[in-house]
């Protein structure tokens, strides 16, 4: 029991890392953290999906769903972030699914590219 508790404490103290989804040939990579902790300590308090700044965003739509498929967050501004609340109430700890649909202009300014990514994020309180 003591070993499990120590391992859990070490895991919780570790910095939150993210999942990156770009392929080597893709200039406009996507970064999404795999966990966040909206506990107002100013560390990992918000969730958002970031597209590389090298690409100019034309459209952006991020949606977050709970385990029942209910839409709990939606934004159209790439600077907006989810604070872990839905209708003013704190959501429970757990895994949430996100979906990003966006369009961007590649760095050389010649192509408009459609981007569709999805993943999951763990909300830790």
C-alpha atoms as a PDB file:
ATOM      1  CA  UNK A   1       0.000   0.000   0.000  1.00  0.00           C
ATOM      2  CA  UNK A   2       2.812   2.391   0.880  1.00  0.00           C
ATOM      3  CA  UNK A   3       4.536   1.809  -2.508  1.00  0.00           C
ATOM      4  CA  UNK A   4       1.317   2.589  -4.377  1.00  0.00           C
ATOM      5  CA  UNK A   5       0.834   5.796  -2.404  1.00  0.00           C
ATOM      6  CA  UNK A   6       4.418   6.902  -3.100  1.00  0.00           C
ATOM      7  CA  UNK A   7       4.029   6.139  -6.814  1.00  0.00           C
ATOM      8  CA  UNK A   8       0.771   8.091  -6.911  1.00  0.00           C
ATOM      9  CA  UNK A   9       2.340  11.088  -5.184  1.00  0.00           C
ATOM     10  CA  UNK A  10       5.265  11.049  -7.594  1.00  0.00           C
ATOM     11  CA  UNK A  11       2.880  10.844 -10.570  1.00  0.00           C
ATOM     12  CA  UNK A  12       0.785  13.742  -9.293  1.00  0.00           C
ATOM     13  CA  UNK A  13       3.855  15.899  -8.661  1.00  0.00           C
ATOM     14  CA  UNK A  14       5.203  15.362 -12.177  1.00  0.00           C
ATOM     15  CA  UNK A  15       4.676  18.197 -14.627  1.00  0.00           C
ATOM     16  CA  UNK A  16       1.802  17.772 -17.048  1.00  0.00           C
ATOM     17  CA  UNK A  17       3.036  16.798 -20.481  1.00  0.00           C
ATOM     18  CA  UNK A  18       1.085  17.012 -23.690  1.00  0.00           C
ATOM     19  CA  UNK A  19       0.352  15.000 -26.718  1.00  0.00           C
ATOM     20  CA  UNK A  20       1.637  16.329 -29.993  1.00  0.00           C
ATOM     21  CA  UNK A  21       0.024  15.251 -33.185  1.00  0.00           C
ATOM     22  CA  UNK A  22       2.031  16.717 -36.069  1.00  0.00           C
ATOM     23  CA  UNK A  23       3.720  14.534 -38.633  1.00  0.00           C
ATOM     24  CA  UNK A  24       7.235  15.442 -39.836  1.00  0.00           C
ATOM     25  CA  UNK A  25       5.872  16.739 -43.164  1.00  0.00           C
ATOM     26  CA  UNK A  26       3.241  18.894 -41.454  1.00  0.00           C
ATOM     27  CA  UNK A  27       4.397  22.465 -40.848  1.00  0.00           C
ATOM     28  CA  UNK A  28       1.414  23.523 -38.740  1.00  0.00           C
ATOM     29  CA  UNK A  29       1.567  21.200 -35.775  1.00  0.00           C
ATOM     30  CA  UNK A  30      -1.078  20.812 -33.100  1.00  0.00           C
ATOM     31  CA  UNK A  31      -0.403  20.654 -29.366  1.00  0.00           C
ATOM     32  CA  UNK A  32      -2.962  19.550 -26.790  1.00  0.00           C
ATOM     33  CA  UNK A  33      -2.147  18.843 -23.158  1.00  0.00           C
ATOM     34  CA  UNK A  34      -3.298  15.427 -21.974  1.00  0.00           C
ATOM     35  CA  UNK A  35      -4.307  16.736 -18.526  1.00  0.00           C
ATOM     36  CA  UNK A  36      -5.114  19.963 -16.712  1.00  0.00           C
ATOM     37  CA  UNK A  37      -5.854  20.977 -13.133  1.00  0.00           C
ATOM     38  CA  UNK A  38      -8.376  23.830 -12.826  1.00  0.00           C
ATOM     39  CA  UNK A  39      -7.706  24.463  -9.136  1.00  0.00           C
ATOM     40  CA  UNK A  40      -6.736  28.162  -9.402  1.00  0.00           C
ATOM     41  CA  UNK A  41      -3.056  27.642  -8.567  1.00  0.00           C
ATOM     42  CA  UNK A  42      -2.056  29.304 -11.876  1.00  0.00           C
ATOM     43  CA  UNK A  43      -0.465  26.095 -13.154  1.00  0.00           C
ATOM     44  CA  UNK A  44      -2.280  24.108 -15.862  1.00  0.00           C
ATOM     45  CA  UNK A  45      -5.614  25.721 -14.915  1.00  0.00           C
ATOM     46  CA  UNK A  46      -6.979  25.832 -18.478  1.00  0.00           C
ATOM     47  CA  UNK A  47      -7.296  23.487 -21.452  1.00  0.00           C
ATOM     48  CA  UNK A  48      -6.892  24.524 -25.053  1.00  0.00           C
ATOM     49  CA  UNK A  49      -5.598  23.127 -28.322  1.00  0.00           C
ATOM     50  CA  UNK A  50      -2.806  25.182 -29.860  1.00  0.00           C
ATOM     51  CA  UNK A  51      -1.932  25.255 -33.549  1.00  0.00           C
ATOM     52  CA  UNK A  52       1.583  26.365 -34.496  1.00  0.00           C
ATOM     53  CA  UNK A  53       1.951  30.138 -34.735  1.00  0.00           C
ATOM     54  CA  UNK A  54       3.671  29.652 -38.099  1.00  0.00           C
ATOM     55  CA  UNK A  55       0.244  29.232 -39.691  1.00  0.00           C
ATOM     56  CA  UNK A  56      -2.452  31.885 -39.998  1.00  0.00           C
ATOM     57  CA  UNK A  57      -5.793  30.624 -38.688  1.00  0.00           C
ATOM     58  CA  UNK A  58      -8.808  31.267 -40.927  1.00  0.00           C
ATOM     59  CA  UNK A  59     -11.379  29.282 -38.925  1.00  0.00           C
ATOM     60  CA  UNK A  60     -11.113  27.532 -35.579  1.00  0.00           C
ATOM     61  CA  UNK A  61     -13.639  25.407 -33.715  1.00  0.00           C
ATOM     62  CA  UNK A  62     -12.826  23.501 -30.539  1.00  0.00           C
ATOM     63  CA  UNK A  63     -15.442  21.363 -28.809  1.00  0.00           C
ATOM     64  CA  UNK A  64     -15.091  19.364 -25.581  1.00  0.00           C
ATOM     65  CA  UNK A  65     -17.440  16.525 -24.645  1.00  0.00           C
ATOM     66  CA  UNK A  66     -18.013  14.613 -21.419  1.00  0.00           C
ATOM     67  CA  UNK A  67     -18.128  10.812 -21.278  1.00  0.00           C
ATOM     68  CA  UNK A  68     -21.814  10.826 -22.218  1.00  0.00           C
ATOM     69  CA  UNK A  69     -21.196  12.828 -25.381  1.00  0.00           C
ATOM     70  CA  UNK A  70     -22.655  16.045 -23.973  1.00  0.00           C
ATOM     71  CA  UNK A  71     -21.017  19.210 -25.294  1.00  0.00           C
ATOM     72  CA  UNK A  72     -19.492  20.961 -22.250  1.00  0.00           C
ATOM     73  CA  UNK A  73     -17.310  23.573 -23.961  1.00  0.00           C
ATOM     74  CA  UNK A  74     -17.088  25.207 -27.364  1.00  0.00           C
ATOM     75  CA  UNK A  75     -15.034  28.092 -28.730  1.00  0.00           C
ATOM     76  CA  UNK A  76     -14.158  29.685 -32.055  1.00  0.00           C
ATOM     77  CA  UNK A  77     -11.201  31.770 -30.872  1.00  0.00           C
ATOM     78  CA  UNK A  78      -7.836  29.945 -30.715  1.00  0.00           C
ATOM     79  CA  UNK A  79      -6.861  32.061 -27.684  1.00  0.00           C
ATOM     80  CA  UNK A  80      -9.820  30.872 -25.584  1.00  0.00           C
ATOM     81  CA  UNK A  81      -9.306  28.108 -23.016  1.00  0.00           C
ATOM     82  CA  UNK A  82     -11.658  25.841 -21.067  1.00  0.00           C
ATOM     83  CA  UNK A  83     -11.643  26.367 -17.291  1.00  0.00           C
ATOM     84  CA  UNK A  84     -13.232  23.008 -16.439  1.00  0.00           C
ATOM     85  CA  UNK A  85     -16.707  24.476 -15.845  1.00  0.00           C
ATOM     86  CA  UNK A  86     -20.014  23.916 -17.607  1.00  0.00           C
ATOM     87  CA  UNK A  87     -22.893  26.356 -17.083  1.00  0.00           C
ATOM     88  CA  UNK A  88     -20.991  27.888 -14.166  1.00  0.00           C
ATOM     89  CA  UNK A  89     -20.483  24.588 -12.335  1.00  0.00           C
ATOM     90  CA  UNK A  90     -17.230  22.707 -11.879  1.00  0.00           C
ATOM     91  CA  UNK A  91     -17.105  19.489 -13.887  1.00  0.00           C
ATOM     92  CA  UNK A  92     -16.102  16.232 -12.217  1.00  0.00           C
ATOM     93  CA  UNK A  93     -12.662  14.726 -12.532  1.00  0.00           C
ATOM     94  CA  UNK A  94     -12.383  12.412 -15.478  1.00  0.00           C
ATOM     95  CA  UNK A  95     -11.562  12.038 -19.124  1.00  0.00           C
ATOM     96  CA  UNK A  96     -13.069  14.403 -21.679  1.00  0.00           C
ATOM     97  CA  UNK A  97     -12.917  14.163 -25.451  1.00  0.00           C
ATOM     98  CA  UNK A  98     -12.002  17.130 -27.635  1.00  0.00           C
ATOM     99  CA  UNK A  99     -12.476  17.791 -31.313  1.00  0.00           C
ATOM    100  CA  UNK A 100     -10.779  20.509 -33.338  1.00  0.00           C
ATOM    101  CA  UNK A 101     -11.886  21.628 -36.794  1.00  0.00           C
ATOM    102  CA  UNK A 102      -9.886  24.473 -38.249  1.00  0.00           C
ATOM    103  CA  UNK A 103      -8.669  25.990 -41.469  1.00  0.00           C
ATOM    104  CA  UNK A 104      -5.318  27.726 -41.804  1.00  0.00           C
ATOM    105  CA  UNK A 105      -3.076  29.257 -44.430  1.00  0.00           C
ATOM    106  CA  UNK A 106       0.303  27.563 -44.578  1.00  0.00           C
ATOM    107  CA  UNK A 107       3.473  29.595 -43.888  1.00  0.00           C
ATOM    108  CA  UNK A 108       4.257  30.218 -47.560  1.00  0.00           C
ATOM    109  CA  UNK A 109       0.772  31.702 -47.982  1.00  0.00           C
ATOM    110  CA  UNK A 110      -0.212  29.584 -50.964  1.00  0.00           C
ATOM    111  CA  UNK A 111      -2.473  26.892 -49.547  1.00  0.00           C
ATOM    112  CA  UNK A 112      -5.525  26.913 -47.348  1.00  0.00           C
ATOM    113  CA  UNK A 113      -5.483  23.668 -45.358  1.00  0.00           C
ATOM    114  CA  UNK A 114      -8.290  21.998 -43.447  1.00  0.00           C
ATOM    115  CA  UNK A 115      -7.350  20.539 -40.087  1.00  0.00           C
ATOM    116  CA  UNK A 116      -9.394  17.993 -38.161  1.00  0.00           C
ATOM    117  CA  UNK A 117      -7.954  16.522 -34.954  1.00  0.00           C
ATOM    118  CA  UNK A 118      -9.368  14.844 -31.884  1.00  0.00           C
ATOM    119  CA  UNK A 119      -8.097  13.528 -28.604  1.00  0.00           C
ATOM    120  CA  UNK A 120      -8.723  13.280 -24.906  1.00  0.00           C
ATOM    121  CA  UNK A 121      -7.822  15.291 -21.835  1.00  0.00           C
ATOM    122  CA  UNK A 122      -7.990  14.361 -18.158  1.00  0.00           C
ATOM    123  CA  UNK A 123      -9.462  16.908 -15.763  1.00  0.00           C
ATOM    124  CA  UNK A 124      -7.787  16.590 -12.340  1.00  0.00           C
ATOM    125  CA  UNK A 125      -9.113  18.489  -9.332  1.00  0.00           C
END
